[in-house]
Amino acid sequence: MSKVKIFLKSILTPVIIGALVGLFISKSMDYKYLEKPFLAPPGFLFPIVWTILYILMGISYGILKYKNLNDTKIKKIYYSQLFVNALWSIFFFSLKWRLFSFLWIILLDFLVIIMISSFYKKNKLAGLLQIFYLIWILFASYLNISIYLLNR
């Protein structure tokens, strides 16, 4: 497979999954009506940030795939965290399971840490590009628990 096809597929996969989840939860999105904690960003920033993070995620995975460094462990952790990530939005926004969503995002935090470590061992740049993702989901964890506590 050509370099362009590898990176295109690697980038489009998380972007499309994120977009589909976004469409699925759009009718139940209640962020603007929730009491929010200090530092809560305006709602319009979320799709922008997530699109950037999904692109970086795809670039990282594409680097590993292009260099034939994506073994079974890499694939499992990458797709597991992507799956957990997608379900978090459904749990938090569609089902309104705020406390469960917090526990779920803690799982995501750990999966992303494992992913970064695994990526970094194979290719430093692939791992480092995911630091922004980790920072964002740690921040999202703070928002999640704060929103739960402020809105119960």
N, C-alpha and C. Protein backbone atom coordinates (compact mmCIF):
# COMPACT_ATOMS: atom_id res chain seq x y z
N MET A 1 0.86 -1.17 0.00
CA MET A 1 0.00 0.00 0.00
C MET A 1 0.90 1.24 0.00
N SER A 2 0.52 2.24 -0.75
CA SER A 2 1.32 3.46 -0.84
C SER A 2 1.25 4.26 0.46
N LYS A 3 2.24 5.11 0.63
CA LYS A 3 2.32 5.95 1.83
C LYS A 3 1.06 6.82 1.97
N VAL A 4 0.60 7.40 0.88
CA VAL A 4 -0.59 8.26 0.91
C VAL A 4 -1.81 7.46 1.36
N LYS A 5 -2.00 6.26 0.82
CA LYS A 5 -3.16 5.43 1.19
C LYS A 5 -3.09 5.02 2.65
N ILE A 6 -1.90 4.68 3.12
CA ILE A 6 -1.74 4.28 4.52
C ILE A 6 -2.14 5.43 5.44
N PHE A 7 -1.60 6.62 5.17
CA PHE A 7 -1.90 7.75 6.04
C PHE A 7 -3.35 8.22 5.88
N LEU A 8 -3.87 8.18 4.68
CA LEU A 8 -5.26 8.58 4.46
C LEU A 8 -6.20 7.66 5.25
N LYS A 9 -6.00 6.36 5.14
CA LYS A 9 -6.83 5.40 5.87
C LYS A 9 -6.64 5.56 7.38
N SER A 10 -5.39 5.73 7.80
CA SER A 10 -5.09 5.86 9.23
C SER A 10 -5.72 7.12 9.83
N ILE A 11 -5.76 8.19 9.07
CA ILE A 11 -6.35 9.45 9.57
C ILE A 11 -7.87 9.41 9.48
N LEU A 12 -8.39 8.90 8.38
CA LEU A 12 -9.84 8.90 8.20
C LEU A 12 -10.57 7.98 9.17
N THR A 13 -9.93 6.89 9.58
CA THR A 13 -10.60 5.96 10.50
C THR A 13 -11.05 6.64 11.79
N PRO A 14 -10.14 7.26 12.56
CA PRO A 14 -10.63 7.91 13.79
C PRO A 14 -11.51 9.13 13.52
N VAL A 15 -11.23 9.87 12.46
CA VAL A 15 -12.04 11.06 12.14
C VAL A 15 -13.48 10.64 11.81
N ILE A 16 -13.64 9.59 11.03
CA ILE A 16 -14.98 9.13 10.66
C ILE A 16 -15.70 8.56 11.88
N ILE A 17 -14.99 7.79 12.71
CA ILE A 17 -15.61 7.25 13.92
C ILE A 17 -16.08 8.40 14.81
N GLY A 18 -15.22 9.39 15.00
CA GLY A 18 -15.59 10.56 15.80
C GLY A 18 -16.79 11.30 15.22
N ALA A 19 -16.81 11.46 13.91
CA ALA A 19 -17.92 12.15 13.26
C ALA A 19 -19.23 11.37 13.41
N LEU A 20 -19.16 10.05 13.26
CA LEU A 20 -20.37 9.23 13.40
C LEU A 20 -20.91 9.28 14.83
N VAL A 21 -20.02 9.22 15.80
CA VAL A 21 -20.45 9.34 17.19
C VAL A 21 -21.06 10.72 17.42
N GLY A 22 -20.42 11.75 16.87
CA GLY A 22 -20.93 13.11 17.00
C GLY A 22 -22.33 13.24 16.43
N LEU A 23 -22.56 12.64 15.28
CA LEU A 23 -23.91 12.66 14.68
C LEU A 23 -24.90 11.90 15.56
N PHE A 24 -24.48 10.77 16.08
CA PHE A 24 -25.34 9.94 16.90
C PHE A 24 -25.78 10.66 18.18
N ILE A 25 -24.86 11.38 18.80
CA ILE A 25 -25.18 12.03 20.08
C ILE A 25 -25.69 13.46 19.93
N SER A 26 -25.70 13.99 18.72
CA SER A 26 -26.03 15.40 18.52
C SER A 26 -27.40 15.80 19.08
N LYS A 27 -28.37 14.93 18.97
CA LYS A 27 -29.72 15.24 19.46
C LYS A 27 -29.79 15.26 20.98
N SER A 28 -28.88 14.56 21.64
CA SER A 28 -28.92 14.49 23.10
C SER A 28 -27.84 15.34 23.77
N MET A 29 -27.14 16.13 22.99
CA MET A 29 -26.06 16.98 23.51
C MET A 29 -26.65 18.06 24.41
N ASP A 30 -26.29 18.02 25.67
CA ASP A 30 -26.86 18.98 26.63
C ASP A 30 -25.78 19.82 27.33
N TYR A 31 -24.60 19.87 26.78
CA TYR A 31 -23.47 20.55 27.42
C TYR A 31 -23.80 22.00 27.78
N LYS A 32 -24.46 22.72 26.89
CA LYS A 32 -24.73 24.14 27.15
C LYS A 32 -25.71 24.36 28.30
N TYR A 33 -26.50 23.33 28.65
CA TYR A 33 -27.48 23.46 29.72
C TYR A 33 -26.96 22.99 31.08
N LEU A 34 -25.80 22.39 31.08
CA LEU A 34 -25.24 21.85 32.33
C LEU A 34 -24.51 22.93 33.11
N GLU A 35 -24.54 22.78 34.42
CA GLU A 35 -23.69 23.63 35.25
C GLU A 35 -22.27 23.09 35.09
N LYS A 36 -21.36 24.00 34.77
CA LYS A 36 -20.00 23.58 34.44
C LYS A 36 -18.98 24.15 35.44
N PRO A 37 -17.87 23.45 35.56
CA PRO A 37 -16.84 23.88 36.50
C PRO A 37 -15.99 25.01 35.93
N PHE A 38 -15.19 25.56 36.81
CA PHE A 38 -14.17 26.52 36.40
C PHE A 38 -13.31 25.87 35.32
N LEU A 39 -12.91 26.60 34.35
CA LEU A 39 -12.07 26.17 33.21
C LEU A 39 -12.83 25.43 32.12
N ALA A 40 -14.14 25.28 32.26
CA ALA A 40 -14.90 24.58 31.21
C ALA A 40 -14.88 25.41 29.94
N PRO A 41 -14.44 24.82 28.84
CA PRO A 41 -14.41 25.57 27.57
C PRO A 41 -15.79 25.69 26.95
N PRO A 42 -15.96 26.65 26.05
CA PRO A 42 -17.25 26.75 25.34
C PRO A 42 -17.45 25.51 24.46
N GLY A 43 -18.69 25.14 24.29
CA GLY A 43 -19.02 23.93 23.54
C GLY A 43 -18.48 23.87 22.12
N PHE A 44 -18.36 25.02 21.45
CA PHE A 44 -17.93 25.01 20.06
C PHE A 44 -16.48 24.53 19.90
N LEU A 45 -15.70 24.55 20.97
CA LEU A 45 -14.31 24.12 20.89
C LEU A 45 -14.15 22.60 20.79
N PHE A 46 -15.09 21.85 21.32
CA PHE A 46 -14.94 20.40 21.38
C PHE A 46 -14.77 19.75 20.01
N PRO A 47 -15.62 20.03 19.02
CA PRO A 47 -15.40 19.38 17.73
C PRO A 47 -14.09 19.78 17.06
N ILE A 48 -13.64 21.00 17.30
CA ILE A 48 -12.38 21.45 16.73
C ILE A 48 -11.22 20.67 17.35
N VAL A 49 -11.20 20.63 18.68
CA VAL A 49 -10.13 19.93 19.38
C VAL A 49 -10.14 18.45 19.04
N TRP A 50 -11.32 17.83 19.05
CA TRP A 50 -11.39 16.40 18.77
C TRP A 50 -10.95 16.08 17.34
N THR A 51 -11.29 16.92 16.40
CA THR A 51 -10.85 16.68 15.01
C THR A 51 -9.33 16.70 14.94
N ILE A 52 -8.71 17.67 15.58
CA ILE A 52 -7.24 17.74 15.60
C ILE A 52 -6.66 16.50 16.27
N LEU A 53 -7.24 16.11 17.40
CA LEU A 53 -6.72 14.93 18.11
C LEU A 53 -6.89 13.66 17.28
N TYR A 54 -8.02 13.52 16.59
CA TYR A 54 -8.21 12.34 15.75
C TYR A 54 -7.23 12.32 14.59
N ILE A 55 -6.94 13.48 14.04
CA ILE A 55 -5.94 13.55 12.96
C ILE A 55 -4.57 13.15 13.48
N LEU A 56 -4.19 13.68 14.64
CA LEU A 56 -2.89 13.31 15.24
C LEU A 56 -2.84 11.82 15.56
N MET A 57 -3.97 11.28 16.04
CA MET A 57 -4.06 9.86 16.33
C MET A 57 -3.80 9.05 15.06
N GLY A 58 -4.44 9.47 13.99
CA GLY A 58 -4.26 8.79 12.71
C GLY A 58 -2.85 8.91 12.17
N ILE A 59 -2.24 10.07 12.34
CA ILE A 59 -0.85 10.26 11.89
C ILE A 59 0.07 9.32 12.66
N SER A 60 -0.11 9.25 13.98
CA SER A 60 0.72 8.37 14.80
C SER A 60 0.59 6.91 14.36
N TYR A 61 -0.66 6.49 14.20
CA TYR A 61 -0.87 5.10 13.78
C TYR A 61 -0.34 4.88 12.37
N GLY A 62 -0.51 5.88 11.51
CA GLY A 62 0.01 5.79 10.15
C GLY A 62 1.52 5.65 10.11
N ILE A 63 2.21 6.37 10.98
CA ILE A 63 3.67 6.25 11.06
C ILE A 63 4.05 4.80 11.36
N LEU A 64 3.39 4.23 12.36
CA LEU A 64 3.71 2.85 12.75
C LEU A 64 3.37 1.87 11.63
N LYS A 65 2.24 2.09 11.00
CA LYS A 65 1.81 1.21 9.92
C LYS A 65 2.76 1.31 8.72
N TYR A 66 3.10 2.53 8.35
CA TYR A 66 3.99 2.74 7.21
C TYR A 66 5.36 2.12 7.44
N LYS A 67 5.83 2.18 8.66
CA LYS A 67 7.16 1.64 8.98
C LYS A 67 7.10 0.17 9.42
N ASN A 68 5.94 -0.46 9.22
CA ASN A 68 5.72 -1.86 9.59
C ASN A 68 6.03 -2.12 11.07
N LEU A 69 5.61 -1.23 11.93
CA LEU A 69 5.84 -1.35 13.37
C LEU A 69 4.56 -1.63 14.13
N ASN A 70 3.45 -1.80 13.42
CA ASN A 70 2.16 -2.00 14.10
C ASN A 70 1.86 -3.49 14.26
N ASP A 71 2.41 -4.05 15.33
CA ASP A 71 2.16 -5.46 15.63
C ASP A 71 0.77 -5.63 16.25
N THR A 72 0.46 -6.84 16.64
CA THR A 72 -0.85 -7.16 17.21
C THR A 72 -1.12 -6.35 18.47
N LYS A 73 -0.13 -6.19 19.32
CA LYS A 73 -0.30 -5.41 20.56
C LYS A 73 -0.67 -3.96 20.25
N ILE A 74 0.03 -3.37 19.30
CA ILE A 74 -0.23 -1.98 18.90
C ILE A 74 -1.67 -1.86 18.36
N LYS A 75 -2.06 -2.77 17.50
CA LYS A 75 -3.41 -2.73 16.93
C LYS A 75 -4.47 -2.85 18.02
N LYS A 76 -4.27 -3.79 18.94
CA LYS A 76 -5.25 -4.01 20.01
C LYS A 76 -5.40 -2.78 20.89
N ILE A 77 -4.31 -2.20 21.32
CA ILE A 77 -4.40 -1.04 22.21
C ILE A 77 -4.97 0.17 21.46
N TYR A 78 -4.57 0.35 20.21
CA TYR A 78 -5.06 1.48 19.43
C TYR A 78 -6.57 1.40 19.23
N TYR A 79 -7.04 0.26 18.75
CA TYR A 79 -8.47 0.14 18.48
C TYR A 79 -9.29 0.03 19.77
N SER A 80 -8.70 -0.52 20.82
CA SER A 80 -9.41 -0.56 22.11
C SER A 80 -9.66 0.84 22.65
N GLN A 81 -8.64 1.68 22.62
CA GLN A 81 -8.82 3.04 23.14
C GLN A 81 -9.78 3.82 22.24
N LEU A 82 -9.75 3.57 20.95
CA LEU A 82 -10.68 4.25 20.04
C LEU A 82 -12.12 3.83 20.33
N PHE A 83 -12.33 2.56 20.62
CA PHE A 83 -13.64 2.04 20.97
C PHE A 83 -14.13 2.62 22.30
N VAL A 84 -13.27 2.62 23.30
CA VAL A 84 -13.62 3.17 24.61
C VAL A 84 -13.91 4.66 24.49
N ASN A 85 -13.12 5.35 23.69
CA ASN A 85 -13.32 6.78 23.44
C ASN A 85 -14.71 7.03 22.85
N ALA A 86 -15.07 6.27 21.84
CA ALA A 86 -16.36 6.46 21.16
C ALA A 86 -17.53 6.20 22.11
N LEU A 87 -17.41 5.16 22.92
CA LEU A 87 -18.50 4.84 23.84
C LEU A 87 -18.66 5.87 24.95
N TRP A 88 -17.57 6.52 25.34
CA TRP A 88 -17.67 7.52 26.41
C TRP A 88 -18.71 8.59 26.04
N SER A 89 -18.65 9.11 24.84
CA SER A 89 -19.58 10.16 24.42
C SER A 89 -21.03 9.69 24.49
N ILE A 90 -21.26 8.45 24.11
CA ILE A 90 -22.61 7.89 24.15
C ILE A 90 -23.07 7.77 25.61
N PHE A 91 -22.20 7.25 26.46
CA PHE A 91 -22.56 7.12 27.89
C PHE A 91 -22.83 8.48 28.52
N PHE A 92 -21.97 9.45 28.23
CA PHE A 92 -22.08 10.75 28.89
C PHE A 92 -23.24 11.57 28.35
N PHE A 93 -23.37 11.67 27.04
CA PHE A 93 -24.38 12.56 26.45
C PHE A 93 -25.71 11.87 26.15
N SER A 94 -25.69 10.73 25.50
CA SER A 94 -26.95 10.09 25.14
C SER A 94 -27.63 9.42 26.33
N LEU A 95 -26.85 8.67 27.10
CA LEU A 95 -27.44 7.93 28.22
C LEU A 95 -27.44 8.71 29.53
N LYS A 96 -26.67 9.80 29.56
CA LYS A 96 -26.58 10.67 30.76
C LYS A 96 -26.04 9.91 31.98
N TRP A 97 -25.20 8.93 31.73
CA TRP A 97 -24.57 8.16 32.81
C TRP A 97 -23.30 8.88 33.23
N ARG A 98 -23.43 9.98 33.92
CA ARG A 98 -22.29 10.85 34.23
C ARG A 98 -21.25 10.19 35.14
N LEU A 99 -21.69 9.52 36.19
CA LEU A 99 -20.72 8.88 37.08
C LEU A 99 -20.07 7.68 36.39
N PHE A 100 -20.86 6.87 35.73
CA PHE A 100 -20.31 5.74 34.97
C PHE A 100 -19.33 6.25 33.91
N SER A 101 -19.68 7.36 33.27
CA SER A 101 -18.80 7.95 32.25
C SER A 101 -17.46 8.34 32.84
N PHE A 102 -17.48 8.82 34.07
CA PHE A 102 -16.21 9.17 34.73
C PHE A 102 -15.35 7.92 34.92
N LEU A 103 -15.94 6.85 35.38
CA LEU A 103 -15.19 5.60 35.54
C LEU A 103 -14.68 5.10 34.19
N TRP A 104 -15.52 5.27 33.17
CA TRP A 104 -15.16 4.85 31.81
C TRP A 104 -13.99 5.68 31.27
N ILE A 105 -14.00 6.98 31.54
CA ILE A 105 -12.92 7.83 31.02
C ILE A 105 -11.61 7.57 31.77
N ILE A 106 -11.70 7.10 33.00
CA ILE A 106 -10.49 6.69 33.71
C ILE A 106 -9.87 5.48 33.00
N LEU A 107 -10.72 4.56 32.56
CA LEU A 107 -10.23 3.45 31.74
C LEU A 107 -9.55 3.99 30.48
N LEU A 108 -10.17 4.95 29.83
CA LEU A 108 -9.58 5.55 28.64
C LEU A 108 -8.24 6.20 28.95
N ASP A 109 -8.15 6.91 30.08
CA ASP A 109 -6.88 7.52 30.48
C ASP A 109 -5.77 6.47 30.52
N PHE A 110 -6.06 5.34 31.16
CA PHE A 110 -5.04 4.29 31.27
C PHE A 110 -4.71 3.67 29.92
N LEU A 111 -5.72 3.45 29.10
CA LEU A 111 -5.48 2.90 27.76
C LEU A 111 -4.61 3.83 26.92
N VAL A 112 -4.85 5.12 27.03
CA VAL A 112 -4.05 6.08 26.25
C VAL A 112 -2.62 6.12 26.76
N ILE A 113 -2.43 6.03 28.06
CA ILE A 113 -1.07 5.97 28.61
C ILE A 113 -0.34 4.73 28.07
N ILE A 114 -1.02 3.60 28.07
CA ILE A 114 -0.43 2.37 27.53
C ILE A 114 -0.15 2.54 26.04
N MET A 115 -1.09 3.16 25.31
CA MET A 115 -0.89 3.38 23.88
C MET A 115 0.32 4.27 23.63
N ILE A 116 0.44 5.35 24.37
CA ILE A 116 1.58 6.25 24.19
C ILE A 116 2.88 5.50 24.44
N SER A 117 2.92 4.75 25.52
CA SER A 117 4.13 3.99 25.84
C SER A 117 4.46 2.98 24.73
N SER A 118 3.45 2.28 24.25
CA SER A 118 3.66 1.30 23.18
C SER A 118 4.11 1.96 21.88
N PHE A 119 3.46 3.05 21.53
CA PHE A 119 3.84 3.79 20.33
C PHE A 119 5.27 4.31 20.45
N TYR A 120 5.58 4.90 21.60
CA TYR A 120 6.89 5.52 21.82
C TYR A 120 8.02 4.50 21.71
N LYS A 121 7.78 3.29 22.20
CA LYS A 121 8.80 2.22 22.11
C LYS A 121 9.10 1.86 20.66
N LYS A 122 8.09 2.00 19.81
CA LYS A 122 8.25 1.66 18.39
C LYS A 122 8.79 2.85 17.58
N ASN A 123 8.26 4.05 17.90
CA ASN A 123 8.65 5.26 17.18
C ASN A 123 8.37 6.46 18.08
N LYS A 124 9.42 7.19 18.42
CA LYS A 124 9.28 8.30 19.37
C LYS A 124 8.23 9.32 18.93
N LEU A 125 8.25 9.73 17.68
CA LEU A 125 7.30 10.72 17.19
C LEU A 125 5.86 10.22 17.31
N ALA A 126 5.63 8.96 16.96
CA ALA A 126 4.27 8.40 17.06
C ALA A 126 3.77 8.47 18.50
N GLY A 127 4.64 8.23 19.45
CA GLY A 127 4.24 8.33 20.85
C GLY A 127 4.04 9.76 21.31
N LEU A 128 4.96 10.62 20.95
CA LEU A 128 4.90 12.01 21.40
C LEU A 128 3.69 12.76 20.85
N LEU A 129 3.26 12.42 19.65
CA LEU A 129 2.09 13.07 19.06
C LEU A 129 0.81 12.81 19.86
N GLN A 130 0.83 11.79 20.71
CA GLN A 130 -0.35 11.44 21.51
C GLN A 130 -0.39 12.13 22.87
N ILE A 131 0.65 12.87 23.21
CA ILE A 131 0.68 13.59 24.49
C ILE A 131 -0.47 14.59 24.56
N PHE A 132 -0.78 15.26 23.47
CA PHE A 132 -1.88 16.22 23.44
C PHE A 132 -3.21 15.52 23.74
N TYR A 133 -3.37 14.33 23.20
CA TYR A 133 -4.56 13.52 23.44
C TYR A 133 -4.68 13.19 24.93
N LEU A 134 -3.59 12.75 25.52
CA LEU A 134 -3.60 12.42 26.94
C LEU A 134 -3.96 13.64 27.79
N ILE A 135 -3.36 14.77 27.49
CA ILE A 135 -3.66 16.00 28.24
C ILE A 135 -5.15 16.33 28.12
N TRP A 136 -5.69 16.22 26.92
CA TRP A 136 -7.09 16.55 26.70
C TRP A 136 -8.03 15.60 27.45
N ILE A 137 -7.75 14.30 27.41
CA ILE A 137 -8.67 13.40 28.09
C ILE A 137 -8.51 13.48 29.62
N LEU A 138 -7.34 13.85 30.10
CA LEU A 138 -7.21 14.10 31.54
C LEU A 138 -8.05 15.32 31.92
N PHE A 139 -8.02 16.34 31.07
CA PHE A 139 -8.86 17.51 31.27
C PHE A 139 -10.34 17.13 31.16
N ALA A 140 -10.67 16.28 30.20
CA ALA A 140 -12.05 15.81 30.05
C ALA A 140 -12.49 15.01 31.28
N SER A 141 -11.56 14.30 31.90
CA SER A 141 -11.87 13.57 33.13
C SER A 141 -12.26 14.54 34.23
N TYR A 142 -11.51 15.63 34.35
CA TYR A 142 -11.84 16.69 35.31
C TYR A 142 -13.23 17.27 35.01
N LEU A 143 -13.50 17.57 33.75
CA LEU A 143 -14.81 18.10 33.38
C LEU A 143 -15.92 17.11 33.70
N ASN A 144 -15.68 15.85 33.38
CA ASN A 144 -16.69 14.81 33.60
C ASN A 144 -17.07 14.72 35.08
N ILE A 145 -16.11 14.57 35.97
CA ILE A 145 -16.44 14.42 37.38
C ILE A 145 -17.02 15.71 37.95
N SER A 146 -16.53 16.84 37.47
CA SER A 146 -17.07 18.12 37.94
C SER A 146 -18.51 18.31 37.52
N ILE A 147 -18.80 18.00 36.28
CA ILE A 147 -20.18 18.11 35.79
C ILE A 147 -21.09 17.15 36.54
N TYR A 148 -20.61 15.96 36.79
CA TYR A 148 -21.41 15.01 37.58
C TYR A 148 -21.73 15.60 38.96
N LEU A 149 -20.71 16.12 39.63
CA LEU A 149 -20.91 16.63 40.99
C LEU A 149 -21.78 17.89 41.01
N LEU A 150 -21.66 18.73 40.00
CA LEU A 150 -22.43 19.97 39.95
C LEU A 150 -23.89 19.79 39.50
N ASN A 151 -24.17 18.67 38.88
CA ASN A 151 -25.51 18.48 38.26
C ASN A 151 -26.28 17.27 38.78
N ARG A 152 -25.90 16.73 39.90
CA ARG A 152 -26.64 15.54 40.39
C ARG A 152 -27.87 15.92 41.15
